[in-house]
Amino acid sequence: MLAKNPGFTAVAVLTLALGIGANTAIFSVVEAVILRPYLQGSDRLVLIKEQIPTIVALPMTVCAPDVIQFQRQNQVFESVAAFHFGQADLSGMIERDASMLTA
């Protein structure tokens, strides 16, 4: 179909070129304006885990008292901080009825 109809081929190629160009331009703007400020210094981030071979073979997260101890004894890092992955329910409903979850 593309070889038989050069007009259709030209429109298809032009549409693809414009789509790819627009996508590249939008991503470049988003990356420069939104993403780049948050990524500065990311090469200096370190994740600290601890491993207790007699209990668990895999590295595990550091507990809060250990983080406080690291902060007090820190002589290497600019600062030490902790984070926790988790979920929160801000609706005020602690337990949800199964009937409320169905549409």
PDB file of N, CA and C in Angstrom:
ATOM      1  N   MET A   1       0.829  -1.192   0.000  1.00  0.00           N
ATOM      2  CA  MET A   1       0.000   0.000   0.000  1.00  0.00           C
ATOM      3  C   MET A   1       0.873   1.254   0.000  1.00  0.00           C
ATOM      4  N   LEU A   2       1.985   1.212   0.728  1.00  0.00           N
ATOM      5  CA  LEU A   2       2.849   2.382   0.778  1.00  0.00           C
ATOM      6  C   LEU A   2       3.518   2.644  -0.568  1.00  0.00           C
ATOM      7  N   ALA A   3       3.917   1.597  -1.274  1.00  0.00           N
ATOM      8  CA  ALA A   3       4.578   1.770  -2.565  1.00  0.00           C
ATOM      9  C   ALA A   3       3.586   2.232  -3.642  1.00  0.00           C
ATOM     10  N   LYS A   4       2.355   1.787  -3.561  1.00  0.00           N
ATOM     11  CA  LYS A   4       1.343   2.155  -4.555  1.00  0.00           C
ATOM     12  C   LYS A   4       0.825   3.569  -4.363  1.00  0.00           C
ATOM     13  N   ASN A   5       0.870   4.089  -3.153  1.00  0.00           N
ATOM     14  CA  ASN A   5       0.276   5.384  -2.868  1.00  0.00           C
ATOM     15  C   ASN A   5       1.328   6.292  -2.207  1.00  0.00           C
ATOM     16  N   PRO A   6       2.121   7.025  -3.008  1.00  0.00           N
ATOM     17  CA  PRO A   6       3.187   7.844  -2.436  1.00  0.00           C
ATOM     18  C   PRO A   6       2.667   8.994  -1.568  1.00  0.00           C
ATOM     19  N   GLY A   7       1.488   9.495  -1.834  1.00  0.00           N
ATOM     20  CA  GLY A   7       0.919  10.560  -1.006  1.00  0.00           C
ATOM     21  C   GLY A   7       0.664  10.077   0.411  1.00  0.00           C
ATOM     22  N   PHE A   8       0.095   8.888   0.540  1.00  0.00           N
ATOM     23  CA  PHE A   8      -0.154   8.301   1.847  1.00  0.00           C
ATOM     24  C   PHE A   8       1.161   8.046   2.581  1.00  0.00           C
ATOM     25  N   THR A   9       2.164   7.559   1.831  1.00  0.00           N
ATOM     26  CA  THR A   9       3.479   7.309   2.419  1.00  0.00           C
ATOM     27  C   THR A   9       4.084   8.592   2.972  1.00  0.00           C
ATOM     28  N   ALA A  10       3.994   9.672   2.198  1.00  0.00           N
ATOM     29  CA  ALA A  10       4.557  10.951   2.640  1.00  0.00           C
ATOM     30  C   ALA A  10       3.845  11.455   3.892  1.00  0.00           C
ATOM     31  N   VAL A  11       2.527  11.336   3.935  1.00  0.00           N
ATOM     32  CA  VAL A  11       1.769  11.772   5.108  1.00  0.00           C
ATOM     33  C   VAL A  11       2.118  10.913   6.327  1.00  0.00           C
ATOM     34  N   ALA A  12       2.260   9.610   6.137  1.00  0.00           N
ATOM     35  CA  ALA A  12       2.596   8.711   7.243  1.00  0.00           C
ATOM     36  C   ALA A  12       3.986   9.032   7.794  1.00  0.00           C
ATOM     37  N   VAL A  13       4.960   9.221   6.916  1.00  0.00           N
ATOM     38  CA  VAL A  13       6.320   9.528   7.350  1.00  0.00           C
ATOM     39  C   VAL A  13       6.364  10.889   8.031  1.00  0.00           C
ATOM     40  N   LEU A  14       5.678  11.871   7.479  1.00  0.00           N
ATOM     41  CA  LEU A  14       5.647  13.208   8.078  1.00  0.00           C
ATOM     42  C   LEU A  14       4.974  13.177   9.451  1.00  0.00           C
ATOM     43  N   THR A  15       3.903  12.422   9.585  1.00  0.00           N
ATOM     44  CA  THR A  15       3.214  12.303  10.866  1.00  0.00           C
ATOM     45  C   THR A  15       4.120  11.657  11.913  1.00  0.00           C
ATOM     46  N   LEU A  16       4.823  10.593  11.531  1.00  0.00           N
ATOM     47  CA  LEU A  16       5.758   9.956  12.453  1.00  0.00           C
ATOM     48  C   LEU A  16       6.883  10.912  12.844  1.00  0.00           C
ATOM     49  N   ALA A  17       7.420  11.646  11.885  1.00  0.00           N
ATOM     50  CA  ALA A  17       8.513  12.579  12.169  1.00  0.00           C
ATOM     51  C   ALA A  17       8.051  13.682  13.117  1.00  0.00           C
ATOM     52  N   LEU A  18       6.873  14.235  12.880  1.00  0.00           N
ATOM     53  CA  LEU A  18       6.357  15.274  13.771  1.00  0.00           C
ATOM     54  C   LEU A  18       6.066  14.731  15.171  1.00  0.00           C
ATOM     55  N   GLY A  19       5.536  13.533  15.249  1.00  0.00           N
ATOM     56  CA  GLY A  19       5.252  12.922  16.546  1.00  0.00           C
ATOM     57  C   GLY A  19       6.523  12.662  17.339  1.00  0.00           C
ATOM     58  N   ILE A  20       7.533  12.114  16.685  1.00  0.00           N
ATOM     59  CA  ILE A  20       8.799  11.844  17.366  1.00  0.00           C
ATOM     60  C   ILE A  20       9.472  13.154  17.768  1.00  0.00           C
ATOM     61  N   GLY A  21       9.445  14.144  16.910  1.00  0.00           N
ATOM     62  CA  GLY A  21      10.042  15.441  17.219  1.00  0.00           C
ATOM     63  C   GLY A  21       9.342  16.133  18.378  1.00  0.00           C
ATOM     64  N   ALA A  22       8.006  16.103  18.389  1.00  0.00           N
ATOM     65  CA  ALA A  22       7.249  16.718  19.475  1.00  0.00           C
ATOM     66  C   ALA A  22       7.513  15.992  20.799  1.00  0.00           C
ATOM     67  N   ASN A  23       7.562  14.670  20.754  1.00  0.00           N
ATOM     68  CA  ASN A  23       7.838  13.888  21.950  1.00  0.00           C
ATOM     69  C   ASN A  23       9.223  14.223  22.504  1.00  0.00           C
ATOM     70  N   THR A  24      10.206  14.329  21.644  1.00  0.00           N
ATOM     71  CA  THR A  24      11.559  14.673  22.074  1.00  0.00           C
ATOM     72  C   THR A  24      11.609  16.073  22.666  1.00  0.00           C
ATOM     73  N   ALA A  25      10.941  17.015  22.032  1.00  0.00           N
ATOM     74  CA  ALA A  25      10.948  18.393  22.530  1.00  0.00           C
ATOM     75  C   ALA A  25      10.268  18.491  23.895  1.00  0.00           C
ATOM     76  N   ILE A  26       9.135  17.837  24.063  1.00  0.00           N
ATOM     77  CA  ILE A  26       8.412  17.887  25.336  1.00  0.00           C
ATOM     78  C   ILE A  26       9.238  17.219  26.436  1.00  0.00           C
ATOM     79  N   PHE A  27       9.845  16.074  26.139  1.00  0.00           N
ATOM     80  CA  PHE A  27      10.665  15.413  27.143  1.00  0.00           C
ATOM     81  C   PHE A  27      11.866  16.271  27.524  1.00  0.00           C
ATOM     82  N   SER A  28      12.478  16.936  26.561  1.00  0.00           N
ATOM     83  CA  SER A  28      13.625  17.789  26.861  1.00  0.00           C
ATOM     84  C   SER A  28      13.243  18.928  27.802  1.00  0.00           C
ATOM     85  N   VAL A  29      12.084  19.528  27.566  1.00  0.00           N
ATOM     86  CA  VAL A  29      11.624  20.619  28.431  1.00  0.00           C
ATOM     87  C   VAL A  29      11.306  20.089  29.831  1.00  0.00           C
ATOM     88  N   VAL A  30      10.591  18.983  29.920  1.00  0.00           N
ATOM     89  CA  VAL A  30      10.239  18.401  31.219  1.00  0.00           C
ATOM     90  C   VAL A  30      11.498  18.007  31.982  1.00  0.00           C
ATOM     91  N   GLU A  31      12.451  17.413  31.301  1.00  0.00           N
ATOM     92  CA  GLU A  31      13.691  16.992  31.949  1.00  0.00           C
ATOM     93  C   GLU A  31      14.478  18.194  32.462  1.00  0.00           C
ATOM     94  N   ALA A  32      14.554  19.257  31.674  1.00  0.00           N
ATOM     95  CA  ALA A  32      15.333  20.432  32.062  1.00  0.00           C
ATOM     96  C   ALA A  32      14.660  21.232  33.174  1.00  0.00           C
ATOM     97  N   VAL A  33      13.330  21.340  33.127  1.00  0.00           N
ATOM     98  CA  VAL A  33      12.624  22.203  34.069  1.00  0.00           C
ATOM     99  C   VAL A  33      12.224  21.466  35.350  1.00  0.00           C
ATOM    100  N   ILE A  34      11.778  20.220  35.224  1.00  0.00           N
ATOM    101  CA  ILE A  34      11.216  19.511  36.372  1.00  0.00           C
ATOM    102  C   ILE A  34      12.193  18.494  36.967  1.00  0.00           C
ATOM    103  N   LEU A  35      12.793  17.664  36.138  1.00  0.00           N
ATOM    104  CA  LEU A  35      13.585  16.559  36.668  1.00  0.00           C
ATOM    105  C   LEU A  35      14.999  16.943  37.086  1.00  0.00           C
ATOM    106  N   ARG A  36      15.676  17.743  36.317  1.00  0.00           N
ATOM    107  CA  ARG A  36      17.084  18.044  36.593  1.00  0.00           C
ATOM    108  C   ARG A  36      17.325  18.678  37.961  1.00  0.00           C
ATOM    109  N   PRO A  37      16.497  19.624  38.432  1.00  0.00           N
ATOM    110  CA  PRO A  37      16.770  20.184  39.759  1.00  0.00           C
ATOM    111  C   PRO A  37      16.734  19.143  40.877  1.00  0.00           C
ATOM    112  N   TYR A  38      15.933  18.112  40.741  1.00  0.00           N
ATOM    113  CA  TYR A  38      15.840  17.095  41.785  1.00  0.00           C
ATOM    114  C   TYR A  38      16.955  16.066  41.704  1.00  0.00           C
ATOM    115  N   LEU A  39      17.632  15.991  40.574  1.00  0.00           N
ATOM    116  CA  LEU A  39      18.666  14.988  40.394  1.00  0.00           C
ATOM    117  C   LEU A  39      20.059  15.506  40.702  1.00  0.00           C
ATOM    118  N   GLN A  40      20.202  16.773  41.034  1.00  0.00           N
ATOM    119  CA  GLN A  40      21.516  17.303  41.354  1.00  0.00           C
ATOM    120  C   GLN A  40      22.024  16.690  42.645  1.00  0.00           C
ATOM    121  N   GLY A  41      23.225  16.184  42.602  1.00  0.00           N
ATOM    122  CA  GLY A  41      23.819  15.563  43.774  1.00  0.00           C
ATOM    123  C   GLY A  41      23.380  14.132  44.013  1.00  0.00           C
ATOM    124  N   SER A  42      22.608  13.551  43.116  1.00  0.00           N
ATOM    125  CA  SER A  42      22.153  12.177  43.337  1.00  0.00           C
ATOM    126  C   SER A  42      23.308  11.181  43.264  1.00  0.00           C
ATOM    127  N   ASP A  43      24.416  11.571  42.652  1.00  0.00           N
ATOM    128  CA  ASP A  43      25.563  10.682  42.617  1.00  0.00           C
ATOM    129  C   ASP A  43      26.279  10.632  43.967  1.00  0.00           C
ATOM    130  N   ARG A  44      25.871  11.479  44.895  1.00  0.00           N
ATOM    131  CA  ARG A  44      26.485  11.517  46.215  1.00  0.00           C
ATOM    132  C   ARG A  44      25.626  10.835  47.279  1.00  0.00           C
ATOM    133  N   LEU A  45      24.513  10.241  46.886  1.00  0.00           N
ATOM    134  CA  LEU A  45      23.634   9.558  47.844  1.00  0.00           C
ATOM    135  C   LEU A  45      24.142   8.148  48.119  1.00  0.00           C
ATOM    136  N   VAL A  46      24.004   7.715  49.358  1.00  0.00           N
ATOM    137  CA  VAL A  46      24.435   6.388  49.770  1.00  0.00           C
ATOM    138  C   VAL A  46      23.300   5.733  50.540  1.00  0.00           C
ATOM    139  N   LEU A  47      23.058   4.463  50.291  1.00  0.00           N
ATOM    140  CA  LEU A  47      22.059   3.692  51.033  1.00  0.00           C
ATOM    141  C   LEU A  47      22.799   2.759  51.981  1.00  0.00           C
ATOM    142  N   ILE A  48      22.517   2.893  53.262  1.00  0.00           N
ATOM    143  CA  ILE A  48      23.183   2.066  54.266  1.00  0.00           C
ATOM    144  C   ILE A  48      22.227   0.966  54.706  1.00  0.00           C
ATOM    145  N   LYS A  49      22.703  -0.263  54.654  1.00  0.00           N
ATOM    146  CA  LYS A  49      21.948  -1.413  55.156  1.00  0.00           C
ATOM    147  C   LYS A  49      22.859  -2.193  56.079  1.00  0.00           C
ATOM    148  N   GLU A  50      22.257  -3.011  56.903  1.00  0.00           N
ATOM    149  CA  GLU A  50      23.067  -3.842  57.781  1.00  0.00           C
ATOM    150  C   GLU A  50      22.731  -5.305  57.542  1.00  0.00           C
ATOM    151  N   GLN A  51      23.678  -6.154  57.884  1.00  0.00           N
ATOM    152  CA  GLN A  51      23.484  -7.578  57.686  1.00  0.00           C
ATOM    153  C   GLN A  51      23.930  -8.317  58.934  1.00  0.00           C
ATOM    154  N   ILE A  52      23.058  -9.163  59.422  1.00  0.00           N
ATOM    155  CA  ILE A  52      23.355  -9.999  60.581  1.00  0.00           C
ATOM    156  C   ILE A  52      23.263 -11.450  60.101  1.00  0.00           C
ATOM    157  N   PRO A  53      24.382 -12.040  59.709  1.00  0.00           N
ATOM    158  CA  PRO A  53      24.348 -13.367  59.076  1.00  0.00           C
ATOM    159  C   PRO A  53      23.724 -14.456  59.932  1.00  0.00           C
ATOM    160  N   THR A  54      23.827 -14.344  61.242  1.00  0.00           N
ATOM    161  CA  THR A  54      23.256 -15.399  62.094  1.00  0.00           C
ATOM    162  C   THR A  54      21.736 -15.357  62.135  1.00  0.00           C
ATOM    163  N   ILE A  55      21.152 -14.191  61.777  1.00  0.00           N
ATOM    164  CA  ILE A  55      19.694 -14.064  61.828  1.00  0.00           C
ATOM    165  C   ILE A  55      19.092 -14.105  60.423  1.00  0.00           C
ATOM    166  N   VAL A  56      19.560 -13.207  59.549  1.00  0.00           N
ATOM    167  CA  VAL A  56      19.020 -13.098  58.193  1.00  0.00           C
ATOM    168  C   VAL A  56      20.192 -13.024  57.228  1.00  0.00           C
ATOM    169  N   ALA A  57      20.103 -13.764  56.138  1.00  0.00           N
ATOM    170  CA  ALA A  57      21.196 -13.780  55.171  1.00  0.00           C
ATOM    171  C   ALA A  57      21.221 -12.524  54.295  1.00  0.00           C
ATOM    172  N   LEU A  58      20.061 -11.899  54.098  1.00  0.00           N
ATOM    173  CA  LEU A  58      19.983 -10.729  53.218  1.00  0.00           C
ATOM    174  C   LEU A  58      20.175  -9.437  53.996  1.00  0.00           C
ATOM    175  N   PRO A  59      20.738  -8.408  53.346  1.00  0.00           N
ATOM    176  CA  PRO A  59      20.839  -7.107  54.026  1.00  0.00           C
ATOM    177  C   PRO A  59      19.450  -6.562  54.350  1.00  0.00           C
ATOM    178  N   MET A  60      19.344  -5.878  55.476  1.00  0.00           N
ATOM    179  CA  MET A  60      18.054  -5.327  55.887  1.00  0.00           C
ATOM    180  C   MET A  60      18.217  -3.853  56.235  1.00  0.00           C
ATOM    181  N   THR A  61      17.101  -3.177  56.351  1.00  0.00           N
ATOM    182  CA  THR A  61      17.143  -1.752  56.658  1.00  0.00           C
ATOM    183  C   THR A  61      17.684  -1.516  58.060  1.00  0.00           C
ATOM    184  N   VAL A  62      18.191  -0.330  58.260  1.00  0.00           N
ATOM    185  CA  VAL A  62      18.777   0.041  59.540  1.00  0.00           C
ATOM    186  C   VAL A  62      17.664   0.550  60.457  1.00  0.00           C
ATOM    187  N   CYS A  63      17.683   0.138  61.720  1.00  0.00           N
ATOM    188  CA  CYS A  63      16.647   0.564  62.667  1.00  0.00           C
ATOM    189  C   CYS A  63      16.922   1.993  63.150  1.00  0.00           C
ATOM    190  N   ALA A  64      15.913   2.622  63.719  1.00  0.00           N
ATOM    191  CA  ALA A  64      15.993   4.027  64.133  1.00  0.00           C
ATOM    192  C   ALA A  64      17.105   4.298  65.143  1.00  0.00           C
ATOM    193  N   PRO A  65      17.291   3.472  66.172  1.00  0.00           N
ATOM    194  CA  PRO A  65      18.402   3.749  67.094  1.00  0.00           C
ATOM    195  C   PRO A  65      19.776   3.730  66.412  1.00  0.00           C
ATOM    196  N   ASP A  66      19.943   2.847  65.421  1.00  0.00           N
ATOM    197  CA  ASP A  66      21.209   2.817  64.687  1.00  0.00           C
ATOM    198  C   ASP A  66      21.404   4.081  63.863  1.00  0.00           C
ATOM    199  N   VAL A  67      20.332   4.598  63.265  1.00  0.00           N
ATOM    200  CA  VAL A  67      20.427   5.843  62.499  1.00  0.00           C
ATOM    201  C   VAL A  67      20.861   6.984  63.413  1.00  0.00           C
ATOM    202  N   ILE A  68      20.284   7.063  64.592  1.00  0.00           N
ATOM    203  CA  ILE A  68      20.667   8.105  65.550  1.00  0.00           C
ATOM    204  C   ILE A  68      22.146   7.956  65.928  1.00  0.00           C
ATOM    205  N   GLN A  69      22.577   6.730  66.115  1.00  0.00           N
ATOM    206  CA  GLN A  69      23.983   6.481  66.435  1.00  0.00           C
ATOM    207  C   GLN A  69      24.885   6.895  65.279  1.00  0.00           C
ATOM    208  N   PHE A  70      24.479   6.589  64.051  1.00  0.00           N
ATOM    209  CA  PHE A  70      25.253   7.017  62.873  1.00  0.00           C
ATOM    210  C   PHE A  70      25.339   8.539  62.808  1.00  0.00           C
ATOM    211  N   GLN A  71      24.235   9.220  63.104  1.00  0.00           N
ATOM    212  CA  GLN A  71      24.235  10.679  63.073  1.00  0.00           C
ATOM    213  C   GLN A  71      25.203  11.254  64.107  1.00  0.00           C
ATOM    214  N   ARG A  72      25.242  10.670  65.270  1.00  0.00           N
ATOM    215  CA  ARG A  72      26.120  11.169  66.338  1.00  0.00           C
ATOM    216  C   ARG A  72      27.597  10.920  66.044  1.00  0.00           C
ATOM    217  N   GLN A  73      27.892   9.769  65.460  1.00  0.00           N
ATOM    218  CA  GLN A  73      29.284   9.395  65.234  1.00  0.00           C
ATOM    219  C   GLN A  73      29.768   9.696  63.816  1.00  0.00           C
ATOM    220  N   ASN A  74      28.974  10.352  63.021  1.00  0.00           N
ATOM    221  CA  ASN A  74      29.307  10.613  61.625  1.00  0.00           C
ATOM    222  C   ASN A  74      30.525  11.522  61.503  1.00  0.00           C
ATOM    223  N   GLN A  75      31.541  11.041  60.791  1.00  0.00           N
ATOM    224  CA  GLN A  75      32.707  11.844  60.471  1.00  0.00           C
ATOM    225  C   GLN A  75      33.021  11.796  58.980  1.00  0.00           C
ATOM    226  N   VAL A  76      32.199  11.113  58.220  1.00  0.00           N
ATOM    227  CA  VAL A  76      32.468  10.899  56.805  1.00  0.00           C
ATOM    228  C   VAL A  76      31.449  11.606  55.912  1.00  0.00           C
ATOM    229  N   PHE A  77      30.189  11.504  56.234  1.00  0.00           N
ATOM    230  CA  PHE A  77      29.120  12.015  55.381  1.00  0.00           C
ATOM    231  C   PHE A  77      28.751  13.444  55.759  1.00  0.00           C
ATOM    232  N   GLU A  78      28.222  14.170  54.775  1.00  0.00           N
ATOM    233  CA  GLU A  78      27.747  15.528  55.033  1.00  0.00           C
ATOM    234  C   GLU A  78      26.596  15.508  56.030  1.00  0.00           C
ATOM    235  N   SER A  79      25.696  14.554  55.882  1.00  0.00           N
ATOM    236  CA  SER A  79      24.603  14.369  56.829  1.00  0.00           C
ATOM    237  C   SER A  79      24.086  12.940  56.702  1.00  0.00           C
ATOM    238  N   VAL A  80      23.347  12.515  57.703  1.00  0.00           N
ATOM    239  CA  VAL A  80      22.752  11.179  57.714  1.00  0.00           C
ATOM    240  C   VAL A  80      21.264  11.354  57.959  1.00  0.00           C
ATOM    241  N   ALA A  81      20.449  10.714  57.130  1.00  0.00           N
ATOM    242  CA  ALA A  81      18.995  10.796  57.266  1.00  0.00           C
ATOM    243  C   ALA A  81      18.408   9.408  57.047  1.00  0.00           C
ATOM    244  N   ALA A  82      17.158   9.253  57.392  1.00  0.00           N
ATOM    245  CA  ALA A  82      16.474   7.976  57.227  1.00  0.00           C
ATOM    246  C   ALA A  82      15.139   8.206  56.526  1.00  0.00           C
ATOM    247  N   PHE A  83      14.646   7.159  55.886  1.00  0.00           N
ATOM    248  CA  PHE A  83      13.319   7.207  55.280  1.00  0.00           C
ATOM    249  C   PHE A  83      12.666   5.853  55.477  1.00  0.00           C
ATOM    250  N   HIS A  84      11.367   5.834  55.300  1.00  0.00           N
ATOM    251  CA  HIS A  84      10.612   4.600  55.497  1.00  0.00           C
ATOM    252  C   HIS A  84       9.552   4.497  54.407  1.00  0.00           C
ATOM    253  N   PHE A  85       9.540   3.357  53.731  1.00  0.00           N
ATOM    254  CA  PHE A  85       8.470   3.097  52.776  1.00  0.00           C
ATOM    255  C   PHE A  85       7.238   2.658  53.547  1.00  0.00           C
ATOM    256  N   GLY A  86       6.097   3.155  53.164  1.00  0.00           N
ATOM    257  CA  GLY A  86       4.895   2.739  53.859  1.00  0.00           C
ATOM    258  C   GLY A  86       3.650   3.278  53.182  1.00  0.00           C
ATOM    259  N   GLN A  87       2.529   2.883  53.701  1.00  0.00           N
ATOM    260  CA  GLN A  87       1.252   3.339  53.189  1.00  0.00           C
ATOM    261  C   GLN A  87       0.527   4.087  54.293  1.00  0.00           C
ATOM    262  N   ALA A  88      -0.287   5.031  53.886  1.00  0.00           N
ATOM    263  CA  ALA A  88      -1.060   5.790  54.861  1.00  0.00           C
ATOM    264  C   ALA A  88      -2.499   5.899  54.384  1.00  0.00           C
ATOM    265  N   ASP A  89      -3.412   5.917  55.320  1.00  0.00           N
ATOM    266  CA  ASP A  89      -4.831   6.087  55.023  1.00  0.00           C
ATOM    267  C   ASP A  89      -5.259   7.419  55.615  1.00  0.00           C
ATOM    268  N   LEU A  90      -5.445   8.407  54.752  1.00  0.00           N
ATOM    269  CA  LEU A  90      -5.806   9.738  55.211  1.00  0.00           C
ATOM    270  C   LEU A  90      -7.307   9.978  55.231  1.00  0.00           C
ATOM    271  N   SER A  91      -8.077   8.942  54.924  1.00  0.00           N
ATOM    272  CA  SER A  91      -9.526   9.104  54.872  1.00  0.00           C
ATOM    273  C   SER A  91     -10.160   9.055  56.257  1.00  0.00           C
ATOM    274  N   GLY A  92      -9.435   8.553  57.248  1.00  0.00           N
ATOM    275  CA  GLY A  92      -9.994   8.427  58.584  1.00  0.00           C
ATOM    276  C   GLY A  92     -10.710   7.109  58.797  1.00  0.00           C
ATOM    277  N   MET A  93     -10.815   6.317  57.760  1.00  0.00           N
ATOM    278  CA  MET A  93     -11.473   5.017  57.874  1.00  0.00           C
ATOM    279  C   MET A  93     -10.406   3.956  58.126  1.00  0.00           C
ATOM    280  N   ILE A  94     -10.408   3.378  59.289  1.00  0.00           N
ATOM    281  CA  ILE A  94      -9.385   2.391  59.614  1.00  0.00           C
ATOM    282  C   ILE A  94      -9.695   1.061  58.938  1.00  0.00           C
ATOM    283  N   GLU A  95     -10.902   0.598  59.065  1.00  0.00           N
ATOM    284  CA  GLU A  95     -11.297  -0.647  58.430  1.00  0.00           C
ATOM    285  C   GLU A  95     -12.341  -0.343  57.361  1.00  0.00           C
ATOM    286  N   ARG A  96     -12.177  -0.965  56.225  1.00  0.00           N
ATOM    287  CA  ARG A  96     -13.112  -0.711  55.120  1.00  0.00           C
ATOM    288  C   ARG A  96     -14.012  -1.931  54.934  1.00  0.00           C
ATOM    289  N   ASP A  97     -15.241  -1.630  54.709  1.00  0.00           N
ATOM    290  CA  ASP A  97     -16.208  -2.679  54.425  1.00  0.00           C
ATOM    291  C   ASP A  97     -16.001  -3.144  52.997  1.00  0.00           C
ATOM    292  N   ALA A  98     -16.049  -4.439  52.763  1.00  0.00           N
ATOM    293  CA  ALA A  98     -15.848  -4.992  51.429  1.00  0.00           C
ATOM    294  C   ALA A  98     -16.867  -4.446  50.431  1.00  0.00           C
ATOM    295  N   SER A  99     -18.069  -4.114  50.883  1.00  0.00           N
ATOM    296  CA  SER A  99     -19.093  -3.604  49.977  1.00  0.00           C
ATOM    297  C   SER A  99     -18.734  -2.205  49.477  1.00  0.00           C
ATOM    298  N   MET A 100     -17.929  -1.460  50.239  1.00  0.00           N
ATOM    299  CA  MET A 100     -17.543  -0.119  49.818  1.00  0.00           C
ATOM    300  C   MET A 100     -16.467  -0.156  48.737  1.00  0.00           C
ATOM    301  N   LEU A 101     -15.746  -1.253  48.646  1.00  0.00           N
ATOM    302  CA  LEU A 101     -14.662  -1.344  47.683  1.00  0.00           C
ATOM    303  C   LEU A 101     -15.111  -1.809  46.311  1.00  0.00           C
ATOM    304  N   THR A 102     -16.323  -2.353  46.232  1.00  0.00           N
ATOM    305  CA  THR A 102     -16.833  -2.806  44.939  1.00  0.00           C
ATOM    306  C   THR A 102     -17.638  -1.689  44.287  1.00  0.00           C
ATOM    307  N   ALA A 103     -17.564  -1.659  42.983  1.00  0.00           N
ATOM    308  CA  ALA A 103     -18.273  -0.595  42.256  1.00  0.00           C
ATOM    309  C   ALA A 103     -19.697  -0.986  41.960  1.00  0.00           C
TER     310      ALA A 103
END
